Amino acid sequence: MVTPLKTIKWFSKIICFLCISNVCVAQKSNDFKIPDSLADKSYTYLFGQFRKNYTDTITSLLYLKTSLAKATKEDDKLKKAITLNTLSAYEEDKVEKIALIKQAVLESEGLENIELIPVYTNVGGIYHDYYEYASALTYYLKALELSEKFNIEEYRYIILTDIAKVKEGIGKHDEALTLYRKCLNYGNTKYPNDTIRRITNVINIAESLRNNKKYDSASYYYNTIVNIAYQKLPSYGRILSINEGINQYYQKKYLDAEKLLTKGASKLEMNPESQTYYIVSQIYQGKLQQLQYNNKEKAKAYYLKVDSIQTATGLIIPEISTAYDFLISYYKDKGDFKKQLDITNKFLKLKTVISSRHIQTTDRLYAEFDTPQLLKNKQALINKLENKTNTTTIYLGLLILGFLFLFIMQYTRYKKHKKRYNTIISNLNKKEKETPVIEDKITPTPVQKLNIDEAVITSVLKKLKTFETKKEFLQTDINISILAKKCNTNTKYLSKIINIHKGKSFINYINDHRIDYILKELKENSTLQLYTIKSISEEAGFNTAESFATAFKKKTGIKPSYYIRNLKNEPII
């Protein structure tokens, strides 16, 4: 969900025009001729006049185009970047808007200037508005680097808020919450009387707390600011009401949730930011009709309104999946296959965009939605609509056979993975019950097989035992050279001893111990199960999530995500 707009000091200096309507900048800079009256004017004068006349679109564009033409003629890359960045707000078309900001970034290459901070921040903001989080983060980090270089604390916390929104957008709610807390503390300390800053910070942190399922804390922050927000910024008060309504929904206080959602959405201004909150309010109103009143017709009305707004605005919000999921089921039950197909197509498009932009929803159901299955259902609907002949029965039979074949494949795969999972758990349980055996003596392989002195082999095996006991294999930088030094031998001898006595290569020896360790830790530590795969891989000593997943699958035959998901579903004893 999009979070509230930032209040920033440079807003009026560089991009104060963001509040006015978008206007297409059709005329290219190389077609523009500087008026004689402005030919000798400075950039300070041109931007001063632009800020003074920003409500007059034609006049403000004249000053901006003059600035761009002047900067182009003088090859002033900094001024070109700033002006192109400013002009981007007037461009309505996405392709043209991005072309302008890309040109602004191109002009800024190699420059380090404080005036580029709002340029990069705006570029990141535009990409964020289009849900292109990877690109947004790139430019937020550029802006952050400059703010730290020039030691501008105010900018730093503005950008930290932006980065938190990116983290929120890709599902890293706990990391986003940490950043929001820093920004809130900074604002309360540095600007205790800045009411607008406080309202926006509290909205951010209350919403993030809700996403982290800390509902009581979210309500606490809501109650500290809601009355002030309605007095100072009623639109933000309504956003707070919608957020708290959703919070109450998850606490199963459905009547309170309905009142707050209705209050928040009733007079919400329909600007781009508020539209997102309005859509989400209607989604949860639909959910309430289902859960509280079991009224499918009213739920449908809310969800159709959501579909209508999404179609008109193109907003891609993960929560919309709820509406489309309901409507597909609704029209299927009614036998209205044409409408079911239409909603299915929209749902597929939505999920494709969400997947490509790495937006993760907090709803596990939609995170695990089987897109290939949805495609098969789509084809089945097309067949039903197009097939008006006596061959319907044949096609239906083939369709049933196809689903049956798919079911058998999926079930076989499920049983295989479940068996592997049960074997892992069984082995872990056995190890917990086993009494440790103290080995007084290590009996090495005959010396002639290794061509290494028996005393050396015995010494190395003992040191490997200590290495395993101390779990030193969890060190991310461990390699055969480091381990050889620990064992007072050389890499050649160590490799041979591990190959013969452990029955595997050095890499597999280390990785297998790491996987055995993390299997046990995940089973016993429910908190660790909530970590990201990347964080879990680091706990196991791997440098990357990819190498961890590969080693895990190689040893266990299942993916880490499957193992963790089954652990979460295990009954608590």
Protein backbone atom coordinates (compact mmCIF):
# COMPACT_ATOMS: atom_id res chain seq x y z
CA MET A 1 0.00 0.00 0.00
CA VAL A 2 1.22 3.47 -0.81
CA THR A 3 2.07 5.48 2.29
CA PRO A 4 1.50 9.24 2.83
CA LEU A 5 3.30 11.93 0.90
CA LYS A 6 6.47 13.37 2.47
CA THR A 7 6.76 16.86 3.87
CA ILE A 8 10.16 18.15 2.77
CA LYS A 9 11.88 21.53 2.89
CA TRP A 10 13.07 21.46 -0.68
CA PHE A 11 9.57 20.77 -1.97
CA SER A 12 8.91 24.40 -2.86
CA LYS A 13 12.46 24.97 -4.10
CA ILE A 14 12.73 22.25 -6.72
CA ILE A 15 9.49 20.33 -7.31
CA CYS A 16 6.70 22.40 -5.77
CA PHE A 17 4.81 21.97 -8.99
CA LEU A 18 4.03 18.33 -8.13
CA CYS A 19 0.67 19.38 -6.75
CA ILE A 20 -0.60 20.72 -10.06
CA SER A 21 -2.15 18.72 -12.89
CA ASN A 22 0.11 16.82 -15.25
CA VAL A 23 0.53 18.48 -18.63
CA CYS A 24 2.16 16.88 -21.64
CA VAL A 25 5.48 18.50 -22.52
CA ALA A 26 5.12 18.00 -26.24
CA GLN A 27 7.70 20.42 -27.48
CA LYS A 28 11.25 19.11 -27.48
CA SER A 29 14.06 21.24 -26.15
CA ASN A 30 15.80 21.43 -29.51
CA ASP A 31 12.64 22.90 -31.10
CA PHE A 32 12.32 25.60 -28.48
CA LYS A 33 13.66 29.10 -29.06
CA ILE A 34 14.51 31.25 -26.06
CA PRO A 35 12.42 34.46 -26.07
CA ASP A 36 14.51 37.65 -26.42
CA SER A 37 13.16 38.88 -23.09
CA LEU A 38 14.70 35.88 -21.31
CA ALA A 39 17.90 35.48 -23.33
CA ASP A 40 20.17 37.11 -20.73
CA LYS A 41 18.39 35.87 -17.61
CA SER A 42 20.17 33.71 -15.01
CA TYR A 43 19.07 30.31 -13.76
CA THR A 44 18.26 31.87 -10.41
CA TYR A 45 15.87 34.28 -12.12
CA LEU A 46 14.29 31.58 -14.32
CA PHE A 47 13.63 29.18 -11.43
CA GLY A 48 12.50 32.06 -9.23
CA GLN A 49 9.90 33.01 -11.82
CA PHE A 50 8.93 29.37 -12.28
CA ARG A 51 8.24 28.99 -8.54
CA LYS A 52 6.38 32.29 -8.50
CA ASN A 53 4.11 31.26 -11.39
CA TYR A 54 3.88 27.49 -10.83
CA THR A 55 0.04 27.61 -10.79
CA ASP A 56 0.14 29.02 -14.32
CA THR A 57 1.14 25.98 -16.37
CA ILE A 58 1.94 27.80 -19.61
CA THR A 59 4.08 30.43 -17.91
CA SER A 60 5.92 27.95 -15.69
CA LEU A 61 6.70 25.70 -18.67
CA LEU A 62 8.09 28.70 -20.53
CA TYR A 63 10.64 29.33 -17.77
CA LEU A 64 11.53 25.64 -17.51
CA LYS A 65 12.02 25.24 -21.27
CA THR A 66 14.14 28.38 -21.30
CA SER A 67 16.27 26.97 -18.49
CA LEU A 68 16.70 23.67 -20.38
CA ALA A 69 17.61 25.41 -23.65
CA LYS A 70 20.10 27.64 -21.82
CA ALA A 71 21.67 24.67 -20.00
CA THR A 72 21.88 22.70 -23.25
CA LYS A 73 23.57 25.58 -25.05
CA GLU A 74 26.07 26.07 -22.22
CA ASP A 75 26.44 22.31 -21.66
CA ASP A 76 25.68 22.81 -17.96
CA LYS A 77 24.94 19.22 -17.00
CA LEU A 78 23.82 20.00 -13.44
CA LYS A 79 21.24 22.56 -14.55
CA LYS A 80 20.08 20.24 -17.33
CA ALA A 81 19.55 17.41 -14.82
CA ILE A 82 17.60 19.65 -12.45
CA THR A 83 15.41 21.08 -15.21
CA LEU A 84 14.69 17.71 -16.85
CA ASN A 85 13.78 16.32 -13.44
CA THR A 86 11.39 19.24 -12.92
CA LEU A 87 9.82 18.85 -16.36
CA SER A 88 9.12 15.17 -15.70
CA ALA A 89 6.23 16.13 -13.41
CA TYR A 90 4.40 17.71 -16.34
CA GLU A 91 4.56 14.54 -18.42
CA GLU A 92 1.51 12.31 -18.11
CA ASP A 93 2.68 9.45 -20.31
CA LYS A 94 4.72 6.88 -18.38
CA VAL A 95 7.20 6.23 -21.20
CA GLU A 96 7.86 9.93 -21.76
CA LYS A 97 8.09 10.63 -18.03
CA ILE A 98 10.67 7.89 -17.53
CA ALA A 99 12.56 9.10 -20.62
CA LEU A 100 12.89 12.54 -19.02
CA ILE A 101 14.16 11.24 -15.69
CA LYS A 102 16.56 8.86 -17.42
CA GLN A 103 17.96 11.82 -19.35
CA ALA A 104 18.25 13.76 -16.08
CA VAL A 105 20.19 10.87 -14.54
CA LEU A 106 22.40 10.62 -17.62
CA GLU A 107 23.30 14.31 -17.37
CA SER A 108 24.13 13.92 -13.68
CA GLU A 109 26.65 11.11 -14.18
CA GLY A 110 30.00 11.92 -12.63
CA LEU A 111 28.61 14.90 -10.71
CA GLU A 112 28.40 15.22 -6.94
CA ASN A 113 26.25 18.15 -5.92
CA ILE A 114 23.74 18.76 -3.17
CA GLU A 115 21.17 19.85 -5.77
CA LEU A 116 21.14 16.31 -7.19
CA ILE A 117 19.62 14.88 -4.01
CA PRO A 118 16.05 15.96 -4.89
CA VAL A 119 16.68 14.85 -8.47
CA TYR A 120 17.51 11.29 -7.39
CA THR A 121 14.74 11.31 -4.80
CA ASN A 122 12.18 12.33 -7.42
CA VAL A 123 13.47 9.72 -9.88
CA GLY A 124 13.16 7.06 -7.19
CA GLY A 125 9.68 8.32 -6.34
CA ILE A 126 8.53 8.03 -9.96
CA TYR A 127 9.78 4.45 -10.22
CA HIS A 128 8.15 3.69 -6.87
CA ASP A 129 4.82 5.08 -8.13
CA TYR A 130 5.04 2.56 -10.98
CA TYR A 131 5.94 -0.19 -8.47
CA GLU A 132 9.39 -0.64 -10.05
CA TYR A 133 11.01 -1.06 -6.66
CA ALA A 134 14.46 -2.19 -7.81
CA SER A 135 14.93 0.98 -9.88
CA ALA A 136 13.45 3.14 -7.13
CA LEU A 137 15.90 1.75 -4.60
CA THR A 138 18.83 2.43 -6.93
CA TYR A 139 18.13 6.16 -6.94
CA TYR A 140 17.10 6.39 -3.31
CA LEU A 141 20.51 4.96 -2.45
CA LYS A 142 22.22 7.49 -4.72
CA ALA A 143 20.38 10.28 -2.90
CA LEU A 144 21.25 8.76 0.47
CA GLU A 145 24.93 8.60 -0.46
CA LEU A 146 24.96 12.30 -1.36
CA SER A 147 23.04 13.31 1.77
CA GLU A 148 25.62 11.51 3.90
CA LYS A 149 28.52 12.94 1.89
CA PHE A 150 27.25 16.48 2.46
CA ASN A 151 26.13 15.61 6.00
CA ILE A 152 22.50 16.72 5.52
CA GLU A 153 20.59 14.90 8.20
CA GLU A 154 17.19 16.16 7.07
CA TYR A 155 17.55 14.62 3.63
CA ARG A 156 18.86 11.38 5.13
CA TYR A 157 15.70 10.71 7.10
CA ILE A 158 13.46 11.64 4.19
CA ILE A 159 15.26 9.06 2.07
CA LEU A 160 15.18 6.46 4.85
CA THR A 161 11.40 6.82 4.81
CA ASP A 162 11.41 6.24 1.04
CA ILE A 163 13.57 3.14 1.42
CA ALA A 164 11.27 1.86 4.16
CA LYS A 165 8.38 2.15 1.70
CA VAL A 166 10.28 0.04 -0.82
CA LYS A 167 10.94 -2.59 1.86
CA GLU A 168 7.26 -2.48 2.80
CA GLY A 169 6.33 -2.93 -0.84
CA ILE A 170 8.36 -6.13 -1.25
CA GLY A 171 7.17 -7.65 2.00
CA LYS A 172 10.12 -6.89 4.29
CA HIS A 173 7.81 -5.46 6.93
CA ASP A 174 10.10 -6.00 9.90
CA GLU A 175 12.98 -4.16 8.21
CA ALA A 176 10.64 -1.34 7.15
CA LEU A 177 9.39 -0.98 10.72
CA THR A 178 12.94 -0.51 12.01
CA LEU A 179 13.49 2.37 9.59
CA TYR A 180 10.13 3.96 10.37
CA ARG A 181 10.97 3.92 14.08
CA LYS A 182 14.24 5.75 13.39
CA CYS A 183 12.43 8.38 11.34
CA LEU A 184 9.75 8.84 14.00
CA ASN A 185 12.34 9.29 16.76
CA TYR A 186 14.28 11.75 14.60
CA GLY A 187 11.17 13.82 13.87
CA ASN A 188 10.03 13.85 17.51
CA THR A 189 13.51 14.92 18.66
CA LYS A 190 14.42 17.47 15.98
CA TYR A 191 10.97 18.83 15.11
CA PRO A 192 8.71 18.28 18.15
CA ASN A 193 6.30 21.02 17.01
CA ASP A 194 6.04 19.90 13.39
CA THR A 195 2.51 18.46 13.44
CA ILE A 196 2.39 17.43 9.78
CA ARG A 197 5.67 15.52 10.07
CA ARG A 198 4.39 13.79 13.17
CA ILE A 199 1.12 12.78 11.49
CA THR A 200 2.85 11.30 8.44
CA ASN A 201 5.41 9.47 10.59
CA VAL A 202 2.69 7.97 12.77
CA ILE A 203 0.67 6.86 9.74
CA ASN A 204 3.78 5.12 8.38
CA ILE A 205 4.61 3.37 11.64
CA ALA A 206 1.00 2.40 12.50
CA GLU A 207 0.53 0.87 9.06
CA SER A 208 3.86 -0.97 9.31
CA LEU A 209 2.97 -2.30 12.77
CA ARG A 210 -0.26 -3.66 11.32
CA ASN A 211 1.67 -5.35 8.51
CA ASN A 212 3.89 -6.89 11.19
CA LYS A 213 0.72 -8.16 12.94
CA LYS A 214 1.38 -5.97 15.99
CA TYR A 215 -2.21 -4.84 16.19
CA ASP A 216 -2.27 -3.45 19.73
CA SER A 217 0.77 -1.27 19.05
CA ALA A 218 -0.77 -0.08 15.78
CA SER A 219 -3.93 0.98 17.64
CA TYR A 220 -1.83 2.78 20.25
CA TYR A 221 -0.20 5.00 17.62
CA TYR A 222 -3.54 5.56 15.91
CA ASN A 223 -5.09 6.85 19.12
CA THR A 224 -2.20 9.26 19.75
CA ILE A 225 -2.68 11.17 16.51
CA VAL A 226 -6.15 10.61 14.98
CA ASN A 227 -7.88 13.62 16.60
CA ILE A 228 -5.02 15.96 15.70
CA ALA A 229 -5.01 14.63 12.14
CA TYR A 230 -8.72 15.32 11.66
CA GLN A 231 -8.17 18.88 12.90
CA LYS A 232 -5.04 19.69 10.91
CA LEU A 233 -5.20 17.38 7.87
CA PRO A 234 -8.65 15.75 7.54
CA SER A 235 -7.56 13.71 4.51
CA TYR A 236 -4.83 12.09 6.61
CA GLY A 237 -7.34 11.56 9.40
CA ARG A 238 -9.44 9.55 6.99
CA ILE A 239 -6.39 7.53 5.93
CA LEU A 240 -5.73 6.81 9.61
CA SER A 241 -9.34 5.64 10.03
CA ILE A 242 -9.02 3.27 7.08
CA ASN A 243 -5.75 1.85 8.45
CA GLU A 244 -7.27 1.37 11.89
CA GLY A 245 -10.37 -0.19 10.34
CA ILE A 246 -8.16 -2.81 8.71
CA ASN A 247 -6.36 -3.24 12.03
CA GLN A 248 -9.68 -3.87 13.79
CA TYR A 249 -10.65 -6.33 11.06
CA TYR A 250 -7.61 -8.47 11.80
CA GLN A 251 -8.48 -8.36 15.49
CA LYS A 252 -11.96 -9.68 14.51
CA LYS A 253 -13.69 -6.55 15.79
CA TYR A 254 -15.81 -6.43 12.69
CA LEU A 255 -18.38 -3.81 13.73
CA ASP A 256 -15.68 -1.35 14.76
CA ALA A 257 -13.82 -2.11 11.55
CA GLU A 258 -16.89 -1.37 9.43
CA LYS A 259 -17.50 1.99 11.14
CA LEU A 260 -13.91 3.13 10.69
CA LEU A 261 -13.70 2.00 7.07
CA THR A 262 -16.96 3.79 6.26
CA LYS A 263 -15.83 6.96 8.04
CA GLY A 264 -12.44 6.95 6.33
CA ALA A 265 -13.75 6.36 2.82
CA SER A 266 -16.85 8.61 2.98
CA LYS A 267 -15.15 11.94 2.18
CA LEU A 268 -11.77 10.80 0.94
CA GLU A 269 -10.37 13.01 -1.80
CA MET A 270 -9.77 11.04 -4.98
CA ASN A 271 -6.14 11.96 -5.68
CA PRO A 272 -3.65 9.21 -6.69
CA GLU A 273 -2.55 8.59 -3.11
CA SER A 274 -6.04 8.52 -1.63
CA GLN A 275 -7.37 6.28 -4.41
CA THR A 276 -5.16 3.49 -3.13
CA TYR A 277 -6.58 3.78 0.37
CA TYR A 278 -10.12 4.02 -0.99
CA ILE A 279 -9.65 0.80 -3.01
CA VAL A 280 -8.31 -1.02 0.03
CA SER A 281 -11.20 0.25 2.18
CA GLN A 282 -13.68 -1.21 -0.31
CA ILE A 283 -11.84 -4.53 -0.36
CA TYR A 284 -12.12 -4.86 3.41
CA GLN A 285 -15.76 -3.77 3.31
CA GLY A 286 -16.29 -6.67 0.93
CA LYS A 287 -14.48 -9.01 3.30
CA LEU A 288 -16.72 -7.85 6.14
CA GLN A 289 -19.84 -8.57 4.10
CA GLN A 290 -18.56 -12.10 3.64
CA LEU A 291 -17.44 -12.80 7.21
CA GLN A 292 -19.83 -10.72 9.31
CA TYR A 293 -23.03 -10.85 7.27
CA ASN A 294 -22.50 -13.73 4.81
CA ASN A 295 -23.90 -11.40 2.17
CA LYS A 296 -22.33 -12.35 -1.14
CA GLU A 297 -24.32 -9.82 -3.15
CA LYS A 298 -23.10 -6.84 -1.12
CA ALA A 299 -19.59 -8.25 -1.14
CA LYS A 300 -19.81 -8.51 -4.91
CA ALA A 301 -20.91 -4.86 -5.15
CA TYR A 302 -17.83 -3.72 -3.22
CA TYR A 303 -15.50 -5.92 -5.27
CA LEU A 304 -16.99 -4.74 -8.57
CA LYS A 305 -16.36 -1.16 -7.45
CA VAL A 306 -12.74 -2.13 -6.77
CA ASP A 307 -12.47 -3.69 -10.24
CA SER A 308 -13.96 -0.58 -11.83
CA ILE A 309 -11.47 1.77 -10.14
CA GLN A 310 -8.53 -0.54 -10.89
CA THR A 311 -9.54 -0.71 -14.56
CA ALA A 312 -9.82 3.09 -14.77
CA THR A 313 -6.63 3.96 -12.86
CA GLY A 314 -4.35 0.97 -13.56
CA LEU A 315 -3.32 0.86 -9.89
CA ILE A 316 -1.69 -2.46 -9.01
CA ILE A 317 -2.37 -3.26 -5.36
CA PRO A 318 -1.76 -6.81 -4.05
CA GLU A 319 -4.93 -6.70 -1.91
CA ILE A 320 -7.02 -6.54 -5.12
CA SER A 321 -6.38 -10.27 -5.42
CA THR A 322 -9.08 -10.73 -2.76
CA ALA A 323 -11.68 -9.07 -4.95
CA TYR A 324 -10.80 -11.05 -8.09
CA ASP A 325 -10.61 -14.33 -6.21
CA PHE A 326 -14.14 -13.78 -4.87
CA LEU A 327 -15.56 -12.68 -8.24
CA ILE A 328 -14.08 -15.70 -10.06
CA SER A 329 -15.71 -18.03 -7.52
CA TYR A 330 -18.97 -16.03 -7.58
CA TYR A 331 -19.40 -16.15 -11.36
CA LYS A 332 -18.37 -19.81 -11.44
CA ASP A 333 -21.16 -20.66 -8.99
CA LYS A 334 -23.62 -18.64 -11.09
CA GLY A 335 -22.51 -20.39 -14.29
CA ASP A 336 -21.62 -17.05 -15.87
CA PHE A 337 -18.49 -18.30 -17.61
CA LYS A 338 -18.06 -15.20 -19.76
CA LYS A 339 -17.71 -12.91 -16.74
CA GLN A 340 -15.60 -15.54 -14.99
CA LEU A 341 -13.23 -15.55 -17.94
CA ASP A 342 -13.05 -11.74 -17.98
CA ILE A 343 -12.16 -11.58 -14.27
CA THR A 344 -9.70 -14.47 -14.68
CA ASN A 345 -7.86 -12.55 -17.40
CA LYS A 346 -7.64 -9.49 -15.15
CA PHE A 347 -6.44 -11.62 -12.25
CA LEU A 348 -3.72 -13.21 -14.37
CA LYS A 349 -2.54 -9.80 -15.56
CA LEU A 350 -2.50 -8.53 -11.98
CA LYS A 351 -0.46 -11.49 -10.73
CA THR A 352 1.97 -11.20 -13.64
CA VAL A 353 2.66 -7.54 -12.81
CA ILE A 354 2.93 -8.27 -9.09
CA SER A 355 5.33 -11.16 -9.71
CA SER A 356 7.52 -9.22 -12.15
CA ARG A 357 7.86 -6.30 -9.75
CA HIS A 358 8.53 -8.52 -6.74
CA ILE A 359 5.55 -7.29 -4.73
CA GLN A 360 4.88 -9.75 -1.95
CA THR A 361 1.53 -9.83 -0.26
CA THR A 362 1.10 -10.63 3.43
CA ASP A 363 -1.67 -13.08 2.63
CA ARG A 364 -0.20 -16.56 2.36
CA LEU A 365 -3.09 -17.76 0.22
CA TYR A 366 -2.22 -15.43 -2.63
CA ALA A 367 1.52 -15.84 -2.15
CA GLU A 368 1.03 -19.53 -2.97
CA PHE A 369 -1.56 -19.09 -5.73
CA ASP A 370 -0.89 -21.50 -8.54
CA THR A 371 -0.74 -19.35 -11.68
CA PRO A 372 -0.32 -22.32 -14.07
CA GLN A 373 -3.50 -23.80 -12.61
CA LEU A 374 -5.30 -20.51 -13.20
CA LEU A 375 -4.16 -20.59 -16.84
CA LYS A 376 -5.62 -24.09 -17.24
CA ASN A 377 -8.91 -22.93 -15.76
CA LYS A 378 -8.89 -20.01 -18.19
CA GLN A 379 -8.52 -22.39 -21.14
CA ALA A 380 -11.34 -24.53 -19.82
CA LEU A 381 -13.61 -21.49 -19.70
CA ILE A 382 -12.70 -20.55 -23.29
CA ASN A 383 -13.61 -24.07 -24.37
CA LYS A 384 -16.97 -23.83 -22.63
CA LEU A 385 -17.79 -20.51 -24.30
CA GLU A 386 -16.65 -21.48 -27.80
CA ASN A 387 -17.95 -25.03 -27.87
CA LYS A 388 -21.62 -24.97 -28.93
CA THR A 389 -21.65 -28.32 -30.72
CA ASN A 390 -22.19 -31.92 -29.71
CA THR A 391 -18.46 -32.29 -29.03
CA THR A 392 -18.89 -30.66 -25.59
CA THR A 393 -18.92 -34.04 -23.84
CA ILE A 394 -15.68 -35.13 -25.52
CA TYR A 395 -13.85 -31.92 -24.60
CA LEU A 396 -15.19 -32.08 -21.07
CA GLY A 397 -13.94 -35.65 -20.75
CA LEU A 398 -10.51 -34.64 -22.00
CA LEU A 399 -10.49 -31.73 -19.60
CA ILE A 400 -11.34 -34.03 -16.70
CA LEU A 401 -8.60 -36.43 -17.75
CA GLY A 402 -6.16 -33.53 -17.92
CA PHE A 403 -7.08 -32.38 -14.43
CA LEU A 404 -6.87 -35.97 -13.19
CA PHE A 405 -3.41 -36.37 -14.69
CA LEU A 406 -2.33 -33.07 -13.16
CA PHE A 407 -3.76 -34.14 -9.80
CA ILE A 408 -1.89 -37.47 -9.90
CA MET A 409 1.37 -35.70 -10.76
CA GLN A 410 0.89 -33.13 -8.00
CA TYR A 411 -0.14 -35.79 -5.48
CA THR A 412 2.86 -37.98 -6.36
CA ARG A 413 5.17 -35.01 -5.96
CA TYR A 414 3.48 -34.10 -2.69
CA LYS A 415 3.88 -37.63 -1.29
CA LYS A 416 7.54 -37.76 -2.33
CA HIS A 417 8.34 -34.43 -0.69
CA LYS A 418 6.30 -35.28 2.40
CA LYS A 419 8.16 -38.58 2.75
CA ARG A 420 11.50 -36.81 2.55
CA TYR A 421 10.32 -34.24 5.11
CA ASN A 422 9.12 -36.98 7.50
CA THR A 423 12.44 -38.80 7.12
CA ILE A 424 14.32 -35.63 8.09
CA ILE A 425 12.13 -35.06 11.15
CA SER A 426 12.38 -38.73 12.16
CA ASN A 427 16.19 -38.63 11.93
CA LEU A 428 16.31 -35.40 13.96
CA ASN A 429 14.07 -36.92 16.64
CA LYS A 430 16.27 -40.02 16.82
CA LYS A 431 19.39 -37.90 17.26
CA GLU A 432 17.74 -36.02 20.14
CA LYS A 433 17.01 -39.30 21.95
CA GLU A 434 20.39 -40.89 21.30
CA THR A 435 22.99 -40.86 24.10
CA PRO A 436 26.24 -39.31 22.85
CA VAL A 437 28.99 -41.90 22.40
CA ILE A 438 32.42 -40.87 23.61
CA GLU A 439 35.04 -42.09 21.19
CA ASP A 440 38.24 -42.98 23.05
CA LYS A 441 40.11 -43.91 19.95
CA ILE A 442 39.91 -43.09 16.27
CA THR A 443 40.75 -46.00 14.02
CA PRO A 444 42.03 -44.60 10.75
CA THR A 445 42.06 -46.25 7.35
CA PRO A 446 45.23 -48.24 6.62
CA VAL A 447 48.13 -45.90 6.00
CA GLN A 448 48.96 -47.39 2.63
CA LYS A 449 45.55 -46.39 1.26
CA LEU A 450 46.25 -42.72 1.99
CA ASN A 451 50.03 -42.85 1.87
CA ILE A 452 50.03 -40.61 4.97
CA ASP A 453 51.63 -41.26 8.32
CA GLU A 454 49.17 -42.89 10.77
CA ALA A 455 49.92 -40.34 13.50
CA VAL A 456 49.06 -37.51 11.09
CA ILE A 457 45.76 -39.13 10.14
CA THR A 458 44.78 -39.67 13.78
CA SER A 459 45.69 -36.08 14.67
CA VAL A 460 43.71 -34.62 11.76
CA LEU A 461 40.62 -36.70 12.52
CA LYS A 462 40.66 -35.55 16.15
CA LYS A 463 40.95 -31.93 15.09
CA LEU A 464 38.10 -32.40 12.60
CA LYS A 465 36.00 -33.79 15.46
CA THR A 466 36.73 -30.63 17.49
CA PHE A 467 35.98 -28.51 14.41
CA GLU A 468 32.56 -30.15 14.10
CA THR A 469 31.79 -30.00 17.83
CA LYS A 470 32.52 -26.27 17.97
CA LYS A 471 30.43 -25.73 14.82
CA GLU A 472 33.27 -23.83 13.18
CA PHE A 473 31.85 -24.88 9.82
CA LEU A 474 29.37 -21.99 10.28
CA GLN A 475 32.14 -19.48 9.54
CA THR A 476 31.30 -17.97 6.15
CA ASP A 477 34.96 -17.59 5.19
CA ILE A 478 36.01 -21.17 5.98
CA ASN A 479 37.97 -22.86 3.20
CA ILE A 480 40.28 -25.85 2.87
CA SER A 481 43.39 -23.72 3.45
CA ILE A 482 42.05 -22.29 6.73
CA LEU A 483 40.91 -25.71 7.93
CA ALA A 484 44.25 -27.29 6.99
CA LYS A 485 46.04 -24.77 9.22
CA LYS A 486 43.64 -25.58 12.07
CA CYS A 487 44.52 -29.25 11.63
CA ASN A 488 48.29 -28.61 11.40
CA THR A 489 48.50 -30.22 7.98
CA ASN A 490 48.48 -29.28 4.32
CA THR A 491 45.48 -29.03 1.98
CA LYS A 492 46.45 -32.14 0.00
CA TYR A 493 46.53 -34.39 3.08
CA LEU A 494 43.36 -32.84 4.49
CA SER A 495 41.49 -33.36 1.22
CA LYS A 496 42.53 -37.03 1.07
CA ILE A 497 41.57 -37.71 4.70
CA ILE A 498 38.14 -36.10 4.27
CA ASN A 499 37.53 -37.96 1.02
CA ILE A 500 38.33 -41.36 2.59
CA HIS A 501 37.07 -40.96 6.17
CA LYS A 502 34.09 -38.72 5.51
CA GLY A 503 33.27 -40.16 2.11
CA LYS A 504 32.82 -36.81 0.43
CA SER A 505 34.62 -33.78 -0.95
CA PHE A 506 35.65 -30.87 1.27
CA ILE A 507 32.82 -28.67 -0.07
CA ASN A 508 30.18 -31.34 0.52
CA TYR A 509 31.65 -32.04 3.97
CA ILE A 510 31.24 -28.40 5.02
CA ASN A 511 27.84 -27.93 3.35
CA ASP A 512 26.39 -31.14 4.81
CA HIS A 513 27.34 -30.08 8.34
CA ARG A 514 25.80 -26.66 7.74
CA ILE A 515 22.55 -28.16 6.45
CA ASP A 516 22.38 -30.67 9.35
CA TYR A 517 22.84 -27.75 11.74
CA ILE A 518 20.17 -25.53 10.18
CA LEU A 519 17.66 -28.40 9.90
CA LYS A 520 17.88 -28.88 13.66
CA GLU A 521 17.84 -25.14 14.43
CA LEU A 522 14.77 -24.53 12.27
CA LYS A 523 12.93 -27.41 13.95
CA GLU A 524 13.70 -26.18 17.46
CA ASN A 525 13.59 -22.41 16.94
CA SER A 526 10.20 -21.11 15.74
CA THR A 527 11.56 -17.55 15.58
CA LEU A 528 14.17 -18.62 13.02
CA GLN A 529 11.33 -19.95 10.86
CA LEU A 530 10.14 -16.35 10.40
CA TYR A 531 13.47 -15.22 8.93
CA THR A 532 13.95 -14.66 5.21
CA ILE A 533 15.77 -17.38 3.25
CA LYS A 534 18.73 -15.00 2.91
CA SER A 535 18.93 -14.50 6.68
CA ILE A 536 18.62 -18.25 7.31
CA SER A 537 21.41 -18.92 4.80
CA GLU A 538 23.65 -16.51 6.70
CA GLU A 539 22.81 -18.28 9.97
CA ALA A 540 23.98 -21.52 8.33
CA GLY A 541 27.26 -19.97 7.16
CA PHE A 542 26.46 -19.57 3.45
CA ASN A 543 27.43 -16.43 1.58
CA THR A 544 24.36 -16.40 -0.66
CA ALA A 545 20.77 -17.61 -0.49
CA GLU A 546 21.27 -19.38 -3.83
CA SER A 547 24.21 -21.52 -2.64
CA PHE A 548 22.26 -22.35 0.53
CA ALA A 549 19.14 -23.41 -1.40
CA THR A 550 21.23 -25.56 -3.77
CA ALA A 551 23.04 -27.32 -0.91
CA PHE A 552 19.78 -27.78 1.01
CA LYS A 553 17.99 -29.35 -1.98
CA LYS A 554 21.00 -31.55 -2.77
CA LYS A 555 21.14 -33.02 0.75
CA THR A 556 17.43 -33.24 1.60
CA GLY A 557 15.67 -33.45 -1.76
CA ILE A 558 13.30 -30.62 -0.80
CA LYS A 559 13.46 -26.84 -0.88
CA PRO A 560 14.08 -24.80 2.30
CA SER A 561 10.71 -23.03 1.87
CA TYR A 562 8.88 -26.38 1.81
CA TYR A 563 10.67 -27.56 4.96
CA ILE A 564 9.90 -24.32 6.83
CA ARG A 565 6.27 -24.29 5.70
CA ASN A 566 5.74 -27.82 7.01
CA LEU A 567 7.45 -26.98 10.31
CA LYS A 568 5.04 -24.06 10.78
CA ASN A 569 2.10 -26.40 10.18
CA GLU A 570 3.34 -28.95 12.74
CA PRO A 571 1.05 -29.14 15.81
CA ILE A 572 2.48 -27.50 18.93
CA ILE A 573 2.99 -30.12 21.63
